[in-house]
Amino acid sequence: MNFKVGTIYHFKNCETAYPPKNKFAVCISSRRSFFYLINSIDDKRPYAYEEKHVVFLETSRVECLSHKSYINVSKVREIQQKHDVQEKNILSNDLLLKIRNKVKNNKKLSNEYKNIILEE
């Protein structure tokens, strides 16, 4: 499968999740198979210290999600899994811009990762 930047995929038993479980993830680099896992908001997450690294995803803007979710831009995952993967949605340009701005200003990400993400 050829991954596309800005597209949300559903990974059955995602190999980079711990423990492996079904996960939605958004592709942020097709060259390196970099993704951000999409996490559910509950009474614990995201933690207050994470919020400067978070982009929130509303169900009204991302139709494959059934509840409010977020991505943490400081946690890049390389996902090589090619089986049990479904393409779901494409993020809007304004959400991609929010992600890119958070990446650009993130102090936890290495410059190498920032350059890879911001080039695509």
N, C-alpha and C. Protein backbone atom coordinates (compact mmCIF):
# COMPACT_ATOMS: atom_id res chain seq x y z
N MET A 1 0.85 -1.18 0.00
CA MET A 1 0.00 0.00 0.00
C MET A 1 0.89 1.24 0.00
N ASN A 2 0.54 2.19 -0.84
CA ASN A 2 1.25 3.47 -0.87
C ASN A 2 0.52 4.46 0.03
N PHE A 3 1.17 4.86 1.10
CA PHE A 3 0.56 5.80 2.04
C PHE A 3 0.64 7.21 1.48
N LYS A 4 -0.38 8.03 1.81
CA LYS A 4 -0.46 9.41 1.34
C LYS A 4 -0.52 10.36 2.53
N VAL A 5 0.29 11.40 2.47
CA VAL A 5 0.34 12.39 3.54
C VAL A 5 -1.04 13.02 3.72
N GLY A 6 -1.44 13.16 4.99
CA GLY A 6 -2.72 13.78 5.31
C GLY A 6 -3.90 12.83 5.31
N THR A 7 -3.64 11.56 5.03
CA THR A 7 -4.70 10.56 4.98
C THR A 7 -4.71 9.77 6.28
N ILE A 8 -5.93 9.51 6.77
CA ILE A 8 -6.10 8.68 7.97
C ILE A 8 -6.29 7.24 7.53
N TYR A 9 -5.58 6.35 8.21
CA TYR A 9 -5.67 4.92 7.95
C TYR A 9 -6.11 4.21 9.23
N HIS A 10 -6.80 3.08 9.03
CA HIS A 10 -7.14 2.22 10.17
C HIS A 10 -6.26 0.98 10.09
N PHE A 11 -5.48 0.76 11.14
CA PHE A 11 -4.58 -0.39 11.23
C PHE A 11 -5.17 -1.40 12.18
N LYS A 12 -5.46 -2.58 11.67
CA LYS A 12 -5.94 -3.66 12.54
C LYS A 12 -4.74 -4.23 13.27
N ASN A 13 -4.83 -4.32 14.59
CA ASN A 13 -3.72 -4.79 15.42
C ASN A 13 -2.43 -4.06 15.08
N CYS A 14 -2.48 -2.76 15.18
CA CYS A 14 -1.34 -1.89 14.84
C CYS A 14 -0.09 -2.33 15.60
N GLU A 15 0.97 -2.59 14.85
CA GLU A 15 2.19 -3.15 15.43
C GLU A 15 2.95 -2.17 16.31
N THR A 16 2.73 -0.86 16.15
CA THR A 16 3.47 0.10 16.97
C THR A 16 2.69 0.54 18.20
N ALA A 17 1.44 0.13 18.32
CA ALA A 17 0.66 0.42 19.53
C ALA A 17 1.04 -0.61 20.59
N TYR A 18 1.01 -0.19 21.84
CA TYR A 18 1.31 -1.13 22.92
C TYR A 18 0.18 -1.12 23.92
N PRO A 19 -0.46 -2.26 24.12
CA PRO A 19 -0.30 -3.50 23.35
C PRO A 19 -0.89 -3.32 21.95
N PRO A 20 -0.50 -4.18 20.99
CA PRO A 20 -1.05 -4.06 19.64
C PRO A 20 -2.58 -4.06 19.68
N LYS A 21 -3.18 -3.08 19.00
CA LYS A 21 -4.64 -2.97 18.96
C LYS A 21 -5.03 -2.18 17.73
N ASN A 22 -6.30 -2.17 17.42
CA ASN A 22 -6.79 -1.42 16.28
C ASN A 22 -6.59 0.07 16.55
N LYS A 23 -5.99 0.78 15.57
CA LYS A 23 -5.70 2.20 15.74
C LYS A 23 -5.94 2.95 14.44
N PHE A 24 -6.40 4.19 14.59
CA PHE A 24 -6.39 5.13 13.49
C PHE A 24 -5.07 5.89 13.58
N ALA A 25 -4.51 6.23 12.40
CA ALA A 25 -3.27 7.00 12.36
C ALA A 25 -3.30 7.86 11.11
N VAL A 26 -2.66 9.03 11.20
CA VAL A 26 -2.58 9.93 10.05
C VAL A 26 -1.14 9.92 9.53
N CYS A 27 -1.01 9.74 8.21
CA CYS A 27 0.30 9.71 7.57
C CYS A 27 0.87 11.13 7.52
N ILE A 28 2.12 11.28 7.94
CA ILE A 28 2.77 12.59 7.91
C ILE A 28 4.03 12.59 7.04
N SER A 29 4.47 11.40 6.61
CA SER A 29 5.57 11.29 5.65
C SER A 29 5.42 9.97 4.91
N SER A 30 5.14 10.06 3.63
CA SER A 30 4.98 8.84 2.83
C SER A 30 6.34 8.21 2.52
N ARG A 31 7.37 9.03 2.41
CA ARG A 31 8.72 8.51 2.13
C ARG A 31 9.23 7.63 3.26
N ARG A 32 8.97 8.01 4.50
CA ARG A 32 9.50 7.30 5.66
C ARG A 32 8.42 6.50 6.40
N SER A 33 7.19 6.50 5.91
CA SER A 33 6.06 5.82 6.59
C SER A 33 5.92 6.32 8.02
N PHE A 34 6.01 7.66 8.20
CA PHE A 34 5.81 8.28 9.50
C PHE A 34 4.33 8.58 9.70
N PHE A 35 3.88 8.32 10.92
CA PHE A 35 2.48 8.52 11.27
C PHE A 35 2.38 9.15 12.65
N TYR A 36 1.23 9.77 12.88
CA TYR A 36 0.80 10.13 14.23
C TYR A 36 -0.39 9.25 14.57
N LEU A 37 -0.30 8.55 15.70
CA LEU A 37 -1.44 7.76 16.16
C LEU A 37 -2.52 8.72 16.65
N ILE A 38 -3.77 8.36 16.40
CA ILE A 38 -4.91 9.14 16.87
C ILE A 38 -5.39 8.51 18.16
N ASN A 39 -5.47 9.33 19.19
CA ASN A 39 -5.83 8.86 20.52
C ASN A 39 -7.17 9.43 20.94
N SER A 40 -7.90 8.65 21.72
CA SER A 40 -9.19 9.09 22.24
C SER A 40 -8.99 10.00 23.44
N ILE A 41 -9.86 10.98 23.54
CA ILE A 41 -9.86 11.83 24.74
C ILE A 41 -10.75 11.15 25.77
N ASP A 42 -10.21 10.99 26.96
CA ASP A 42 -11.00 10.49 28.08
C ASP A 42 -10.71 11.37 29.29
N ASP A 43 -11.09 10.94 30.47
CA ASP A 43 -10.90 11.79 31.64
C ASP A 43 -9.44 11.96 32.04
N LYS A 44 -8.54 11.17 31.47
CA LYS A 44 -7.12 11.27 31.80
C LYS A 44 -6.30 11.92 30.70
N ARG A 45 -6.67 11.74 29.44
CA ARG A 45 -5.83 12.17 28.33
C ARG A 45 -6.53 13.20 27.48
N PRO A 46 -5.82 14.12 26.85
CA PRO A 46 -4.38 14.30 27.02
C PRO A 46 -4.06 14.96 28.35
N TYR A 47 -2.92 14.62 28.89
CA TYR A 47 -2.47 15.24 30.12
C TYR A 47 -2.15 16.71 29.87
N ALA A 48 -2.25 17.52 30.88
CA ALA A 48 -2.03 18.96 30.74
C ALA A 48 -0.64 19.25 30.16
N TYR A 49 0.38 18.48 30.57
CA TYR A 49 1.73 18.75 30.07
C TYR A 49 1.88 18.42 28.59
N GLU A 50 0.97 17.64 28.03
CA GLU A 50 1.03 17.29 26.61
C GLU A 50 0.35 18.33 25.72
N GLU A 51 -0.51 19.15 26.27
CA GLU A 51 -1.40 19.96 25.44
C GLU A 51 -0.69 20.87 24.45
N LYS A 52 0.51 21.34 24.77
CA LYS A 52 1.20 22.20 23.81
C LYS A 52 1.66 21.41 22.58
N HIS A 53 1.62 20.07 22.66
CA HIS A 53 2.02 19.21 21.55
C HIS A 53 0.83 18.57 20.84
N VAL A 54 -0.39 18.97 21.21
CA VAL A 54 -1.60 18.27 20.77
C VAL A 54 -2.37 19.07 19.74
N VAL A 55 -2.90 18.33 18.74
CA VAL A 55 -3.90 18.87 17.81
C VAL A 55 -5.16 18.05 18.03
N PHE A 56 -6.25 18.75 18.34
CA PHE A 56 -7.52 18.07 18.60
C PHE A 56 -8.24 17.79 17.29
N LEU A 57 -8.93 16.65 17.24
CA LEU A 57 -9.70 16.23 16.07
C LEU A 57 -11.16 16.06 16.48
N GLU A 58 -12.03 16.86 15.91
CA GLU A 58 -13.46 16.80 16.23
C GLU A 58 -14.15 15.81 15.30
N THR A 59 -15.13 15.09 15.83
CA THR A 59 -15.86 14.12 15.01
C THR A 59 -16.61 14.80 13.88
N SER A 60 -16.99 16.04 14.05
CA SER A 60 -17.71 16.75 13.00
C SER A 60 -16.80 17.07 11.80
N ARG A 61 -15.48 17.03 12.02
CA ARG A 61 -14.53 17.36 10.96
C ARG A 61 -13.81 16.14 10.39
N VAL A 62 -13.85 15.03 11.13
CA VAL A 62 -13.20 13.79 10.69
C VAL A 62 -14.21 12.67 10.83
N GLU A 63 -14.86 12.32 9.72
CA GLU A 63 -16.04 11.46 9.80
C GLU A 63 -15.76 10.02 10.23
N CYS A 64 -14.54 9.52 10.13
CA CYS A 64 -14.28 8.14 10.55
C CYS A 64 -14.16 8.01 12.07
N LEU A 65 -14.06 9.13 12.78
CA LEU A 65 -13.93 9.10 14.24
C LEU A 65 -15.30 9.18 14.89
N SER A 66 -15.49 8.41 15.95
CA SER A 66 -16.78 8.41 16.63
C SER A 66 -16.79 9.24 17.91
N HIS A 67 -15.64 9.74 18.33
CA HIS A 67 -15.57 10.60 19.51
C HIS A 67 -14.36 11.53 19.38
N LYS A 68 -14.37 12.59 20.18
CA LYS A 68 -13.30 13.58 20.13
C LYS A 68 -11.96 12.90 20.39
N SER A 69 -10.98 13.26 19.58
CA SER A 69 -9.68 12.61 19.63
C SER A 69 -8.58 13.65 19.49
N TYR A 70 -7.33 13.20 19.56
CA TYR A 70 -6.20 14.10 19.41
C TYR A 70 -4.99 13.34 18.89
N ILE A 71 -4.04 14.09 18.37
CA ILE A 71 -2.72 13.54 18.06
C ILE A 71 -1.69 14.34 18.83
N ASN A 72 -0.64 13.67 19.23
CA ASN A 72 0.47 14.32 19.91
C ASN A 72 1.61 14.41 18.91
N VAL A 73 1.93 15.62 18.45
CA VAL A 73 2.92 15.79 17.38
C VAL A 73 4.34 15.49 17.82
N SER A 74 4.58 15.31 19.09
CA SER A 74 5.93 14.99 19.54
C SER A 74 6.20 13.48 19.50
N LYS A 75 5.19 12.69 19.13
CA LYS A 75 5.35 11.23 19.13
C LYS A 75 5.15 10.67 17.72
N VAL A 76 6.22 10.68 16.94
CA VAL A 76 6.20 10.16 15.57
C VAL A 76 6.38 8.65 15.63
N ARG A 77 5.57 7.94 14.83
CA ARG A 77 5.70 6.48 14.73
C ARG A 77 6.02 6.11 13.30
N GLU A 78 6.94 5.19 13.12
CA GLU A 78 7.20 4.63 11.79
C GLU A 78 6.43 3.32 11.71
N ILE A 79 5.47 3.27 10.81
CA ILE A 79 4.62 2.07 10.69
C ILE A 79 4.90 1.43 9.34
N GLN A 80 5.42 0.23 9.37
CA GLN A 80 5.72 -0.52 8.15
C GLN A 80 4.62 -1.51 7.78
N GLN A 81 3.65 -1.65 8.66
CA GLN A 81 2.57 -2.61 8.46
C GLN A 81 1.82 -2.34 7.15
N LYS A 82 1.74 -3.35 6.29
CA LYS A 82 1.07 -3.20 4.99
C LYS A 82 -0.19 -4.07 4.89
N HIS A 83 -0.39 -4.95 5.86
CA HIS A 83 -1.57 -5.82 5.84
C HIS A 83 -2.60 -5.30 6.84
N ASP A 84 -3.85 -5.63 6.63
CA ASP A 84 -4.95 -5.22 7.51
C ASP A 84 -4.97 -3.70 7.72
N VAL A 85 -4.85 -2.96 6.62
CA VAL A 85 -4.86 -1.50 6.65
C VAL A 85 -5.95 -1.01 5.72
N GLN A 86 -6.74 -0.04 6.20
CA GLN A 86 -7.78 0.57 5.36
C GLN A 86 -7.62 2.07 5.33
N GLU A 87 -7.70 2.64 4.15
CA GLU A 87 -7.70 4.10 4.01
C GLU A 87 -9.08 4.59 4.43
N LYS A 88 -9.12 5.66 5.25
CA LYS A 88 -10.39 6.13 5.79
C LYS A 88 -10.77 7.53 5.33
N ASN A 89 -10.04 8.53 5.73
CA ASN A 89 -10.36 9.93 5.44
C ASN A 89 -9.11 10.70 5.06
N ILE A 90 -9.35 11.85 4.46
CA ILE A 90 -8.26 12.81 4.20
C ILE A 90 -8.51 14.01 5.10
N LEU A 91 -7.48 14.44 5.83
CA LEU A 91 -7.62 15.60 6.70
C LEU A 91 -7.80 16.87 5.86
N SER A 92 -8.52 17.81 6.41
CA SER A 92 -8.69 19.10 5.74
C SER A 92 -7.37 19.86 5.74
N ASN A 93 -7.24 20.80 4.82
CA ASN A 93 -6.02 21.60 4.74
C ASN A 93 -5.76 22.38 6.01
N ASP A 94 -6.82 22.88 6.68
CA ASP A 94 -6.59 23.65 7.90
C ASP A 94 -6.09 22.76 9.04
N LEU A 95 -6.54 21.52 9.11
CA LEU A 95 -6.01 20.61 10.14
C LEU A 95 -4.55 20.26 9.83
N LEU A 96 -4.24 20.04 8.57
CA LEU A 96 -2.84 19.78 8.21
C LEU A 96 -1.95 20.97 8.55
N LEU A 97 -2.45 22.16 8.33
CA LEU A 97 -1.70 23.37 8.66
C LEU A 97 -1.47 23.48 10.17
N LYS A 98 -2.49 23.14 10.96
CA LYS A 98 -2.33 23.14 12.43
C LYS A 98 -1.25 22.15 12.85
N ILE A 99 -1.28 20.97 12.25
CA ILE A 99 -0.27 19.95 12.58
C ILE A 99 1.12 20.45 12.22
N ARG A 100 1.27 21.00 11.03
CA ARG A 100 2.58 21.50 10.58
C ARG A 100 3.09 22.63 11.48
N ASN A 101 2.20 23.51 11.91
CA ASN A 101 2.61 24.59 12.81
C ASN A 101 3.06 24.05 14.16
N LYS A 102 2.36 23.05 14.67
CA LYS A 102 2.77 22.44 15.94
C LYS A 102 4.12 21.74 15.78
N VAL A 103 4.31 21.08 14.64
CA VAL A 103 5.59 20.41 14.38
C VAL A 103 6.72 21.44 14.33
N LYS A 104 6.50 22.51 13.59
CA LYS A 104 7.53 23.55 13.41
C LYS A 104 7.97 24.13 14.75
N ASN A 105 7.03 24.29 15.68
CA ASN A 105 7.32 24.92 16.97
C ASN A 105 7.62 23.93 18.09
N ASN A 106 7.66 22.64 17.76
CA ASN A 106 7.84 21.61 18.78
C ASN A 106 9.31 21.50 19.18
N LYS A 107 9.57 21.58 20.47
CA LYS A 107 10.95 21.50 20.97
C LYS A 107 11.39 20.07 21.26
N LYS A 108 10.46 19.12 21.26
CA LYS A 108 10.80 17.72 21.52
C LYS A 108 11.27 16.99 20.26
N LEU A 109 10.78 17.41 19.10
CA LEU A 109 11.15 16.74 17.86
C LEU A 109 12.54 17.18 17.40
N SER A 110 13.30 16.23 16.88
CA SER A 110 14.61 16.57 16.33
C SER A 110 14.42 17.36 15.04
N ASN A 111 15.42 18.14 14.68
CA ASN A 111 15.37 18.90 13.43
C ASN A 111 15.25 17.96 12.23
N GLU A 112 15.87 16.78 12.32
CA GLU A 112 15.78 15.79 11.23
C GLU A 112 14.31 15.40 11.00
N TYR A 113 13.60 15.08 12.08
CA TYR A 113 12.19 14.69 11.95
C TYR A 113 11.35 15.88 11.46
N LYS A 114 11.60 17.04 12.01
CA LYS A 114 10.86 18.23 11.55
C LYS A 114 11.02 18.44 10.05
N ASN A 115 12.26 18.36 9.58
CA ASN A 115 12.52 18.58 8.15
C ASN A 115 11.81 17.55 7.29
N ILE A 116 11.83 16.30 7.70
CA ILE A 116 11.16 15.24 6.94
C ILE A 116 9.66 15.52 6.86
N ILE A 117 9.07 15.85 8.00
CA ILE A 117 7.61 16.09 8.06
C ILE A 117 7.24 17.34 7.28
N LEU A 118 8.00 18.40 7.44
CA LEU A 118 7.63 19.67 6.82
C LEU A 118 7.93 19.72 5.32
N GLU A 119 8.78 18.82 4.83
CA GLU A 119 9.10 18.78 3.39
C GLU A 119 7.95 18.24 2.56
N GLU A 120 7.13 17.37 3.15
CA GLU A 120 6.08 16.72 2.34
C GLU A 120 4.80 17.50 2.33
